[in-house]
Amino acid sequence: MSNLKNFFFVFILFLSSCSGNQEKVVSVIQEDDLDLQMIAAYQAGVKALESGDVYYAAKKFNEAELLYPQSEWASKAILMAAYAFYTQAYYSSAAEELDRFIKKYPKNPNLDYAYYLLAICHYESIVDEKKDLKPLLLAKKSFILVIEKFPLTDFALDAKYKLGLINDLLAAKEMYIARHYIKKEKWIPAINRLKVIVDQYDTTVYIEEALHRLVEVHYRIGLISEAKKYANTLGYNYLSSQWYKESYRVFNKNYTINRKTSKKEKKRLRDRIKSFF
């Protein structure tokens, strides 16, 4: 991690020769011994991480945390353990460490990084969004938290981009199911799925097709006014869309779409569509 730098500890022990301070001296020596053990464990973790032995690295980072939990380096040790697991795609183990960090250090200055890395772990766990939505939904929730809690950070900027990709995937799943219902002529379930896209994923690439399919389905079941309503919405927002032309063809069966039209023809086409609706 680029933001974690090498660190050095300087220990100065003031030993008193007075017999009355003997217990205090022993306590300082014991604390110093813990410091040295913690440093050794942390350094062993860094060395193991560099060599790719992430399990041993995480073990040593956890050991460093346990040896001196009051130290400021204890929190960094948890993050290092999480990062070690992340580098080798052990996302569930990394997420466990990050969840523990967030609960244990709710005011830590590295909290934005912890939330972001947790979101990335969920995001990287997405394998097949059509079969398992859980990582997708967890990633979405985590990225939203990053944006809400740390809006002015670079993490929030990337989270917004990733959130757009996640919404595309969620909309794709809804469209996939809607097409299936249309094929099976199950109109009501199809309409419900398409409305989810319109209501929740209107910034995705699937919004134009969703509006067209709503025109298509409502026309098919005889709800002409509803079909025209969605056609108007499609035309108002996406006049030059190919899906708008497809919707026009729903109402005019003799209309054929010329894929290569001149500018004058395109203007005439728009005028005809506008006048129809």
C-alpha atoms as a PDB file:
ATOM      1  CA  MET A   1       0.000   0.000   0.000  1.00  0.00           C
ATOM      2  CA  SER A   2       1.519   3.265  -1.157  1.00  0.00           C
ATOM      3  CA  ASN A   3       0.128   5.283   1.732  1.00  0.00           C
ATOM      4  CA  LEU A   4       1.713   3.058   4.378  1.00  0.00           C
ATOM      5  CA  LYS A   5       5.328   4.077   4.865  1.00  0.00           C
ATOM      6  CA  ASN A   6       8.248   2.464   6.671  1.00  0.00           C
ATOM      7  CA  PHE A   7       8.278   3.473  10.276  1.00  0.00           C
ATOM      8  CA  PHE A   8      10.876   3.702  13.016  1.00  0.00           C
ATOM      9  CA  PHE A   9      10.535   3.675  16.728  1.00  0.00           C
ATOM     10  CA  VAL A  10      13.008   5.384  19.076  1.00  0.00           C
ATOM     11  CA  PHE A  11      12.887   4.160  22.647  1.00  0.00           C
ATOM     12  CA  ILE A  12      14.578   6.065  25.516  1.00  0.00           C
ATOM     13  CA  LEU A  13      14.501   4.430  28.915  1.00  0.00           C
ATOM     14  CA  PHE A  14      15.218   6.449  32.001  1.00  0.00           C
ATOM     15  CA  LEU A  15      16.208   3.915  34.625  1.00  0.00           C
ATOM     16  CA  SER A  16      16.189   5.057  38.202  1.00  0.00           C
ATOM     17  CA  SER A  17      18.589   3.678  40.787  1.00  0.00           C
ATOM     18  CA  CYS A  18      16.156   4.353  43.588  1.00  0.00           C
ATOM     19  CA  SER A  19      14.742   1.167  45.075  1.00  0.00           C
ATOM     20  CA  GLY A  20      11.322   2.825  45.412  1.00  0.00           C
ATOM     21  CA  ASN A  21      10.993   3.012  41.565  1.00  0.00           C
ATOM     22  CA  GLN A  22      11.882  -0.640  40.933  1.00  0.00           C
ATOM     23  CA  GLU A  23       8.335  -1.712  39.951  1.00  0.00           C
ATOM     24  CA  LYS A  24       8.036   1.230  37.527  1.00  0.00           C
ATOM     25  CA  VAL A  25      11.330   0.315  35.867  1.00  0.00           C
ATOM     26  CA  VAL A  26      10.196  -3.308  35.397  1.00  0.00           C
ATOM     27  CA  SER A  27       6.933  -2.066  33.820  1.00  0.00           C
ATOM     28  CA  VAL A  28       8.808   0.161  31.355  1.00  0.00           C
ATOM     29  CA  ILE A  29      11.122  -2.711  30.408  1.00  0.00           C
ATOM     30  CA  GLN A  30       8.166  -5.020  29.816  1.00  0.00           C
ATOM     31  CA  GLU A  31       6.446  -2.382  27.660  1.00  0.00           C
ATOM     32  CA  ASP A  32       9.643  -1.879  25.688  1.00  0.00           C
ATOM     33  CA  ASP A  33       9.861  -5.643  25.155  1.00  0.00           C
ATOM     34  CA  LEU A  34       6.305  -5.655  23.761  1.00  0.00           C
ATOM     35  CA  ASP A  35       7.243  -2.804  21.436  1.00  0.00           C
ATOM     36  CA  LEU A  36      10.197  -4.739  20.093  1.00  0.00           C
ATOM     37  CA  GLN A  37       8.123  -7.899  19.629  1.00  0.00           C
ATOM     38  CA  MET A  38       5.413  -5.903  17.834  1.00  0.00           C
ATOM     39  CA  ILE A  39       7.978  -4.310  15.523  1.00  0.00           C
ATOM     40  CA  ALA A  40       9.506  -7.698  14.754  1.00  0.00           C
ATOM     41  CA  ALA A  41       6.083  -9.217  13.976  1.00  0.00           C
ATOM     42  CA  TYR A  42       5.083  -6.266  11.765  1.00  0.00           C
ATOM     43  CA  GLN A  43       8.359  -6.367   9.844  1.00  0.00           C
ATOM     44  CA  ALA A  44       7.997 -10.132   9.374  1.00  0.00           C
ATOM     45  CA  GLY A  45       4.515  -9.491   7.973  1.00  0.00           C
ATOM     46  CA  VAL A  46       5.850  -6.923   5.484  1.00  0.00           C
ATOM     47  CA  LYS A  47       8.596  -9.308   4.380  1.00  0.00           C
ATOM     48  CA  ALA A  48       6.120 -12.179   3.920  1.00  0.00           C
ATOM     49  CA  LEU A  49       3.770  -9.917   1.964  1.00  0.00           C
ATOM     50  CA  GLU A  50       6.560  -8.893  -0.388  1.00  0.00           C
ATOM     51  CA  SER A  51       7.385 -12.565  -1.017  1.00  0.00           C
ATOM     52  CA  GLY A  52       3.713 -13.430  -1.705  1.00  0.00           C
ATOM     53  CA  ASP A  53       3.086 -15.527   1.419  1.00  0.00           C
ATOM     54  CA  VAL A  54      -0.132 -13.718   2.332  1.00  0.00           C
ATOM     55  CA  TYR A  55      -1.360 -16.142   4.990  1.00  0.00           C
ATOM     56  CA  TYR A  56       1.852 -15.858   6.972  1.00  0.00           C
ATOM     57  CA  ALA A  57       1.867 -12.107   6.393  1.00  0.00           C
ATOM     58  CA  ALA A  58      -1.668 -11.753   7.747  1.00  0.00           C
ATOM     59  CA  LYS A  59      -0.767 -13.964  10.688  1.00  0.00           C
ATOM     60  CA  LYS A  60       2.195 -11.735  11.609  1.00  0.00           C
ATOM     61  CA  PHE A  61       0.165  -8.533  11.197  1.00  0.00           C
ATOM     62  CA  ASN A  62      -2.530  -9.949  13.480  1.00  0.00           C
ATOM     63  CA  GLU A  63       0.188 -10.936  15.937  1.00  0.00           C
ATOM     64  CA  ALA A  64       1.552  -7.390  15.910  1.00  0.00           C
ATOM     65  CA  GLU A  65      -1.915  -6.062  16.669  1.00  0.00           C
ATOM     66  CA  LEU A  66      -2.443  -8.462  19.566  1.00  0.00           C
ATOM     67  CA  LEU A  67       0.974  -7.766  21.082  1.00  0.00           C
ATOM     68  CA  TYR A  68       0.351  -4.061  21.435  1.00  0.00           C
ATOM     69  CA  PRO A  69      -3.347  -3.235  20.809  1.00  0.00           C
ATOM     70  CA  GLN A  70      -2.966   0.245  22.346  1.00  0.00           C
ATOM     71  CA  SER A  71      -0.383   1.244  19.763  1.00  0.00           C
ATOM     72  CA  GLU A  72      -1.308   3.409  16.756  1.00  0.00           C
ATOM     73  CA  TRP A  73       0.208   0.668  14.594  1.00  0.00           C
ATOM     74  CA  ALA A  74      -2.385  -1.888  15.715  1.00  0.00           C
ATOM     75  CA  SER A  75      -4.989  -0.367  13.401  1.00  0.00           C
ATOM     76  CA  LYS A  76      -2.501  -0.252  10.527  1.00  0.00           C
ATOM     77  CA  ALA A  77      -1.671  -3.898  11.155  1.00  0.00           C
ATOM     78  CA  ILE A  78      -5.337  -4.837  10.574  1.00  0.00           C
ATOM     79  CA  LEU A  79      -5.358  -2.888   7.306  1.00  0.00           C
ATOM     80  CA  MET A  80      -2.135  -4.577   6.229  1.00  0.00           C
ATOM     81  CA  ALA A  81      -3.636  -7.999   6.992  1.00  0.00           C
ATOM     82  CA  ALA A  82      -6.691  -7.102   4.907  1.00  0.00           C
ATOM     83  CA  TYR A  83      -4.535  -5.825   2.061  1.00  0.00           C
ATOM     84  CA  ALA A  84      -2.425  -9.008   2.180  1.00  0.00           C
ATOM     85  CA  PHE A  85      -5.527 -11.150   1.652  1.00  0.00           C
ATOM     86  CA  TYR A  86      -6.803  -8.796  -1.062  1.00  0.00           C
ATOM     87  CA  THR A  87      -3.611  -9.018  -3.131  1.00  0.00           C
ATOM     88  CA  GLN A  88      -4.131 -12.741  -3.637  1.00  0.00           C
ATOM     89  CA  ALA A  89      -7.906 -12.516  -4.183  1.00  0.00           C
ATOM     90  CA  TYR A  90      -8.892 -13.916  -0.774  1.00  0.00           C
ATOM     91  CA  TYR A  91     -11.724 -11.409  -0.715  1.00  0.00           C
ATOM     92  CA  SER A  92     -13.852 -12.913   2.043  1.00  0.00           C
ATOM     93  CA  SER A  93     -10.881 -12.986   4.443  1.00  0.00           C
ATOM     94  CA  ALA A  94      -9.968  -9.419   3.518  1.00  0.00           C
ATOM     95  CA  ALA A  95     -13.579  -8.319   4.071  1.00  0.00           C
ATOM     96  CA  GLU A  96     -13.602  -9.894   7.544  1.00  0.00           C
ATOM     97  CA  GLU A  97     -10.497  -7.916   8.525  1.00  0.00           C
ATOM     98  CA  LEU A  98     -11.957  -4.693   7.126  1.00  0.00           C
ATOM     99  CA  ASP A  99     -15.293  -5.185   8.908  1.00  0.00           C
ATOM    100  CA  ARG A 100     -13.369  -5.675  12.133  1.00  0.00           C
ATOM    101  CA  PHE A 101     -11.318  -2.528  11.493  1.00  0.00           C
ATOM    102  CA  ILE A 102     -14.413  -0.420  10.810  1.00  0.00           C
ATOM    103  CA  LYS A 103     -16.122  -1.589  14.008  1.00  0.00           C
ATOM    104  CA  LYS A 104     -13.001  -1.250  16.159  1.00  0.00           C
ATOM    105  CA  TYR A 105     -11.739   2.090  14.827  1.00  0.00           C
ATOM    106  CA  PRO A 106     -14.798   4.158  13.776  1.00  0.00           C
ATOM    107  CA  LYS A 107     -12.836   7.441  13.904  1.00  0.00           C
ATOM    108  CA  ASN A 108      -9.578   6.277  12.370  1.00  0.00           C
ATOM    109  CA  PRO A 109      -8.111   8.613   9.687  1.00  0.00           C
ATOM    110  CA  ASN A 110      -7.791   5.615   7.334  1.00  0.00           C
ATOM    111  CA  LEU A 111     -11.492   4.784   7.573  1.00  0.00           C
ATOM    112  CA  ASP A 112     -12.154   6.020   4.026  1.00  0.00           C
ATOM    113  CA  TYR A 113      -9.583   3.578   2.688  1.00  0.00           C
ATOM    114  CA  ALA A 114     -11.100   0.716   4.712  1.00  0.00           C
ATOM    115  CA  TYR A 115     -14.607   1.358   3.362  1.00  0.00           C
ATOM    116  CA  TYR A 116     -13.288   1.655  -0.187  1.00  0.00           C
ATOM    117  CA  LEU A 117     -11.202  -1.532  -0.024  1.00  0.00           C
ATOM    118  CA  LEU A 118     -14.193  -3.374   1.457  1.00  0.00           C
ATOM    119  CA  ALA A 119     -16.330  -2.232  -1.495  1.00  0.00           C
ATOM    120  CA  ILE A 120     -13.630  -3.342  -3.930  1.00  0.00           C
ATOM    121  CA  CYS A 121     -13.487  -6.774  -2.270  1.00  0.00           C
ATOM    122  CA  HIS A 122     -17.235  -7.221  -2.842  1.00  0.00           C
ATOM    123  CA  TYR A 123     -16.891  -5.842  -6.380  1.00  0.00           C
ATOM    124  CA  GLU A 124     -14.061  -8.227  -7.273  1.00  0.00           C
ATOM    125  CA  SER A 125     -16.124 -11.136  -5.896  1.00  0.00           C
ATOM    126  CA  ILE A 126     -18.720 -10.729  -8.649  1.00  0.00           C
ATOM    127  CA  VAL A 127     -18.529 -13.851 -10.809  1.00  0.00           C
ATOM    128  CA  ASP A 128     -21.949 -14.332 -12.390  1.00  0.00           C
ATOM    129  CA  GLU A 129     -24.471 -11.618 -11.615  1.00  0.00           C
ATOM    130  CA  LYS A 130     -27.245 -13.667 -13.230  1.00  0.00           C
ATOM    131  CA  LYS A 131     -26.865 -16.434 -10.632  1.00  0.00           C
ATOM    132  CA  ASP A 132     -25.594 -14.677  -7.515  1.00  0.00           C
ATOM    133  CA  LEU A 133     -26.647 -11.111  -6.742  1.00  0.00           C
ATOM    134  CA  LYS A 134     -25.194 -10.985  -3.226  1.00  0.00           C
ATOM    135  CA  PRO A 135     -21.678  -9.661  -4.085  1.00  0.00           C
ATOM    136  CA  LEU A 136     -23.234  -7.172  -6.491  1.00  0.00           C
ATOM    137  CA  LEU A 137     -25.633  -5.796  -3.889  1.00  0.00           C
ATOM    138  CA  LEU A 138     -22.952  -5.727  -1.170  1.00  0.00           C
ATOM    139  CA  ALA A 139     -20.618  -3.829  -3.504  1.00  0.00           C
ATOM    140  CA  LYS A 140     -23.364  -1.341  -4.349  1.00  0.00           C
ATOM    141  CA  LYS A 141     -24.151  -0.744  -0.679  1.00  0.00           C
ATOM    142  CA  SER A 142     -20.465  -0.292   0.167  1.00  0.00           C
ATOM    143  CA  PHE A 143     -19.784   2.127  -2.696  1.00  0.00           C
ATOM    144  CA  ILE A 144     -22.816   4.203  -1.694  1.00  0.00           C
ATOM    145  CA  LEU A 145     -21.391   4.416   1.853  1.00  0.00           C
ATOM    146  CA  VAL A 146     -18.043   5.611   0.468  1.00  0.00           C
ATOM    147  CA  ILE A 147     -19.786   8.316  -1.561  1.00  0.00           C
ATOM    148  CA  GLU A 148     -21.979   9.422   1.364  1.00  0.00           C
ATOM    149  CA  LYS A 149     -19.289   9.355   4.073  1.00  0.00           C
ATOM    150  CA  PHE A 150     -16.290  10.609   2.073  1.00  0.00           C
ATOM    151  CA  PRO A 151     -17.713  12.634  -0.840  1.00  0.00           C
ATOM    152  CA  LEU A 152     -14.612  14.764  -1.447  1.00  0.00           C
ATOM    153  CA  THR A 153     -12.104  11.923  -1.729  1.00  0.00           C
ATOM    154  CA  ASP A 154     -10.651  10.151  -4.756  1.00  0.00           C
ATOM    155  CA  PHE A 155     -12.245   7.004  -3.340  1.00  0.00           C
ATOM    156  CA  ALA A 156     -15.691   8.579  -3.787  1.00  0.00           C
ATOM    157  CA  LEU A 157     -14.870   9.532  -7.375  1.00  0.00           C
ATOM    158  CA  ASP A 158     -13.967   5.967  -8.288  1.00  0.00           C
ATOM    159  CA  ALA A 159     -16.914   4.652  -6.268  1.00  0.00           C
ATOM    160  CA  LYS A 160     -19.301   6.674  -8.465  1.00  0.00           C
ATOM    161  CA  TYR A 161     -17.785   5.140 -11.578  1.00  0.00           C
ATOM    162  CA  LYS A 162     -17.979   1.609 -10.162  1.00  0.00           C
ATOM    163  CA  LEU A 163     -21.551   2.245  -9.006  1.00  0.00           C
ATOM    164  CA  GLY A 164     -22.501   3.055 -12.590  1.00  0.00           C
ATOM    165  CA  LEU A 165     -21.072  -0.275 -13.747  1.00  0.00           C
ATOM    166  CA  ILE A 166     -22.941  -2.113 -10.989  1.00  0.00           C
ATOM    167  CA  ASN A 167     -26.223  -0.466 -11.962  1.00  0.00           C
ATOM    168  CA  ASP A 168     -25.617  -1.537 -15.564  1.00  0.00           C
ATOM    169  CA  LEU A 169     -25.224  -5.133 -14.381  1.00  0.00           C
ATOM    170  CA  LEU A 170     -28.356  -4.970 -12.229  1.00  0.00           C
ATOM    171  CA  ALA A 171     -30.325  -3.448 -15.112  1.00  0.00           C
ATOM    172  CA  ALA A 172     -28.960  -6.143 -17.438  1.00  0.00           C
ATOM    173  CA  LYS A 173     -30.314  -8.816 -15.111  1.00  0.00           C
ATOM    174  CA  GLU A 174     -33.739  -7.171 -15.026  1.00  0.00           C
ATOM    175  CA  MET A 175     -33.755  -6.911 -18.819  1.00  0.00           C
ATOM    176  CA  TYR A 176     -32.673 -10.537 -19.176  1.00  0.00           C
ATOM    177  CA  ILE A 177     -35.611 -11.673 -17.034  1.00  0.00           C
ATOM    178  CA  ALA A 178     -38.048  -9.288 -18.763  1.00  0.00           C
ATOM    179  CA  ARG A 179     -37.093 -10.676 -22.185  1.00  0.00           C
ATOM    180  CA  HIS A 180     -37.652 -14.186 -20.862  1.00  0.00           C
ATOM    181  CA  TYR A 181     -41.162 -13.276 -19.664  1.00  0.00           C
ATOM    182  CA  ILE A 182     -41.951 -11.576 -22.982  1.00  0.00           C
ATOM    183  CA  LYS A 183     -40.870 -14.687 -24.850  1.00  0.00           C
ATOM    184  CA  LYS A 184     -43.159 -16.759 -22.621  1.00  0.00           C
ATOM    185  CA  GLU A 185     -45.951 -14.171 -23.065  1.00  0.00           C
ATOM    186  CA  LYS A 186     -46.104 -13.506 -19.337  1.00  0.00           C
ATOM    187  CA  TRP A 187     -46.953  -9.860 -19.754  1.00  0.00           C
ATOM    188  CA  ILE A 188     -47.473  -8.662 -16.170  1.00  0.00           C
ATOM    189  CA  PRO A 189     -44.171 -10.034 -14.803  1.00  0.00           C
ATOM    190  CA  ALA A 190     -42.433  -8.592 -17.877  1.00  0.00           C
ATOM    191  CA  ILE A 191     -43.955  -5.153 -17.255  1.00  0.00           C
ATOM    192  CA  ASN A 192     -42.914  -5.257 -13.601  1.00  0.00           C
ATOM    193  CA  ARG A 193     -39.305  -6.023 -14.506  1.00  0.00           C
ATOM    194  CA  LEU A 194     -39.196  -3.297 -17.151  1.00  0.00           C
ATOM    195  CA  LYS A 195     -40.619  -0.765 -14.700  1.00  0.00           C
ATOM    196  CA  VAL A 196     -37.790  -1.579 -12.281  1.00  0.00           C
ATOM    197  CA  ILE A 197     -35.323  -0.479 -14.962  1.00  0.00           C
ATOM    198  CA  VAL A 198     -37.291   2.715 -15.645  1.00  0.00           C
ATOM    199  CA  ASP A 199     -37.664   3.578 -11.953  1.00  0.00           C
ATOM    200  CA  GLN A 200     -34.283   2.506 -10.579  1.00  0.00           C
ATOM    201  CA  TYR A 201     -31.807   2.299 -13.456  1.00  0.00           C
ATOM    202  CA  ASP A 202     -32.796   5.149 -15.744  1.00  0.00           C
ATOM    203  CA  THR A 203     -29.160   6.220 -16.194  1.00  0.00           C
ATOM    204  CA  THR A 204     -28.072   2.866 -17.617  1.00  0.00           C
ATOM    205  CA  VAL A 205     -27.748   1.781 -21.229  1.00  0.00           C
ATOM    206  CA  TYR A 206     -30.909  -0.325 -20.871  1.00  0.00           C
ATOM    207  CA  ILE A 207     -33.377   2.517 -20.298  1.00  0.00           C
ATOM    208  CA  GLU A 208     -34.158   3.028 -24.006  1.00  0.00           C
ATOM    209  CA  GLU A 209     -34.877  -0.639 -24.632  1.00  0.00           C
ATOM    210  CA  ALA A 210     -36.938  -0.856 -21.447  1.00  0.00           C
ATOM    211  CA  LEU A 211     -39.170   1.999 -22.581  1.00  0.00           C
ATOM    212  CA  HIS A 212     -39.571   0.423 -26.019  1.00  0.00           C
ATOM    213  CA  ARG A 213     -40.468  -2.964 -24.531  1.00  0.00           C
ATOM    214  CA  LEU A 214     -43.101  -1.262 -22.385  1.00  0.00           C
ATOM    215  CA  VAL A 215     -44.557   0.253 -25.565  1.00  0.00           C
ATOM    216  CA  GLU A 216     -44.446  -3.142 -27.234  1.00  0.00           C
ATOM    217  CA  VAL A 217     -46.019  -5.106 -24.369  1.00  0.00           C
ATOM    218  CA  HIS A 218     -48.768  -2.604 -23.570  1.00  0.00           C
ATOM    219  CA  TYR A 219     -49.701  -2.397 -27.246  1.00  0.00           C
ATOM    220  CA  ARG A 220     -49.781  -6.184 -27.413  1.00  0.00           C
ATOM    221  CA  ILE A 221     -52.259  -6.492 -24.540  1.00  0.00           C
ATOM    222  CA  GLY A 222     -54.448  -3.679 -25.846  1.00  0.00           C
ATOM    223  CA  LEU A 223     -53.444  -0.854 -23.510  1.00  0.00           C
ATOM    224  CA  ILE A 224     -52.828   1.627 -26.330  1.00  0.00           C
ATOM    225  CA  SER A 225     -52.864   4.777 -24.188  1.00  0.00           C
ATOM    226  CA  GLU A 226     -50.198   3.298 -21.897  1.00  0.00           C
ATOM    227  CA  ALA A 227     -48.149   2.285 -24.926  1.00  0.00           C
ATOM    228  CA  LYS A 228     -48.341   5.843 -26.286  1.00  0.00           C
ATOM    229  CA  LYS A 229     -47.346   7.250 -22.891  1.00  0.00           C
ATOM    230  CA  TYR A 230     -44.100   5.278 -22.876  1.00  0.00           C
ATOM    231  CA  ALA A 231     -43.522   6.070 -26.555  1.00  0.00           C
ATOM    232  CA  ASN A 232     -43.817   9.773 -25.741  1.00  0.00           C
ATOM    233  CA  THR A 233     -41.323   9.398 -22.906  1.00  0.00           C
ATOM    234  CA  LEU A 234     -38.936   7.557 -25.186  1.00  0.00           C
ATOM    235  CA  GLY A 235     -39.302  10.169 -27.920  1.00  0.00           C
ATOM    236  CA  TYR A 236     -38.927  13.122 -25.550  1.00  0.00           C
ATOM    237  CA  ASN A 237     -35.693  11.834 -24.039  1.00  0.00           C
ATOM    238  CA  TYR A 238     -34.195   9.760 -26.850  1.00  0.00           C
ATOM    239  CA  LEU A 239     -35.542  11.122 -30.106  1.00  0.00           C
ATOM    240  CA  SER A 240     -32.658   9.846 -32.232  1.00  0.00           C
ATOM    241  CA  SER A 241     -32.663   6.421 -30.581  1.00  0.00           C
ATOM    242  CA  GLN A 242     -33.069   3.313 -32.676  1.00  0.00           C
ATOM    243  CA  TRP A 243     -35.510   2.073 -30.036  1.00  0.00           C
ATOM    244  CA  TYR A 244     -37.712   5.126 -30.679  1.00  0.00           C
ATOM    245  CA  LYS A 245     -37.917   4.144 -34.321  1.00  0.00           C
ATOM    246  CA  GLU A 246     -38.814   0.605 -33.285  1.00  0.00           C
ATOM    247  CA  SER A 247     -41.605   1.997 -31.119  1.00  0.00           C
ATOM    248  CA  TYR A 248     -42.951   4.008 -34.046  1.00  0.00           C
ATOM    249  CA  ARG A 249     -43.081   0.811 -36.053  1.00  0.00           C
ATOM    250  CA  VAL A 250     -45.275  -0.773 -33.358  1.00  0.00           C
ATOM    251  CA  PHE A 251     -48.011   1.699 -34.286  1.00  0.00           C
ATOM    252  CA  ASN A 252     -47.282   1.761 -38.023  1.00  0.00           C
ATOM    253  CA  LYS A 253     -46.762  -1.776 -39.287  1.00  0.00           C
ATOM    254  CA  ASN A 254     -45.895  -0.612 -42.806  1.00  0.00           C
ATOM    255  CA  TYR A 255     -43.048   1.547 -41.603  1.00  0.00           C
ATOM    256  CA  THR A 256     -39.572   0.208 -42.356  1.00  0.00           C
ATOM    257  CA  ILE A 257     -36.434   1.584 -40.780  1.00  0.00           C
ATOM    258  CA  ASN A 258     -33.808   2.675 -43.286  1.00  0.00           C
ATOM    259  CA  ARG A 259     -30.489   2.212 -41.572  1.00  0.00           C
ATOM    260  CA  LYS A 260     -28.772   4.638 -43.953  1.00  0.00           C
ATOM    261  CA  THR A 261     -30.744   7.829 -44.406  1.00  0.00           C
ATOM    262  CA  SER A 262     -29.739  11.317 -45.476  1.00  0.00           C
ATOM    263  CA  LYS A 263     -30.045  14.332 -43.177  1.00  0.00           C
ATOM    264  CA  LYS A 264     -33.185  15.494 -45.002  1.00  0.00           C
ATOM    265  CA  GLU A 265     -34.743  12.058 -44.684  1.00  0.00           C
ATOM    266  CA  LYS A 266     -33.896  11.942 -40.989  1.00  0.00           C
ATOM    267  CA  LYS A 267     -35.582  15.322 -40.500  1.00  0.00           C
ATOM    268  CA  ARG A 268     -38.696  14.142 -42.331  1.00  0.00           C
ATOM    269  CA  LEU A 269     -38.682  10.993 -40.232  1.00  0.00           C
ATOM    270  CA  ARG A 270     -38.549  12.977 -36.980  1.00  0.00           C
ATOM    271  CA  ASP A 271     -41.375  15.225 -38.171  1.00  0.00           C
ATOM    272  CA  ARG A 272     -43.517  12.205 -39.007  1.00  0.00           C
ATOM    273  CA  ILE A 273     -42.881  10.605 -35.637  1.00  0.00           C
ATOM    274  CA  LYS A 274     -43.587  13.839 -33.758  1.00  0.00           C
ATOM    275  CA  SER A 275     -46.831  14.396 -35.647  1.00  0.00           C
ATOM    276  CA  PHE A 276     -47.971  10.836 -34.918  1.00  0.00           C
ATOM    277  CA  PHE A 277     -47.631  11.229 -31.160  1.00  0.00           C
END
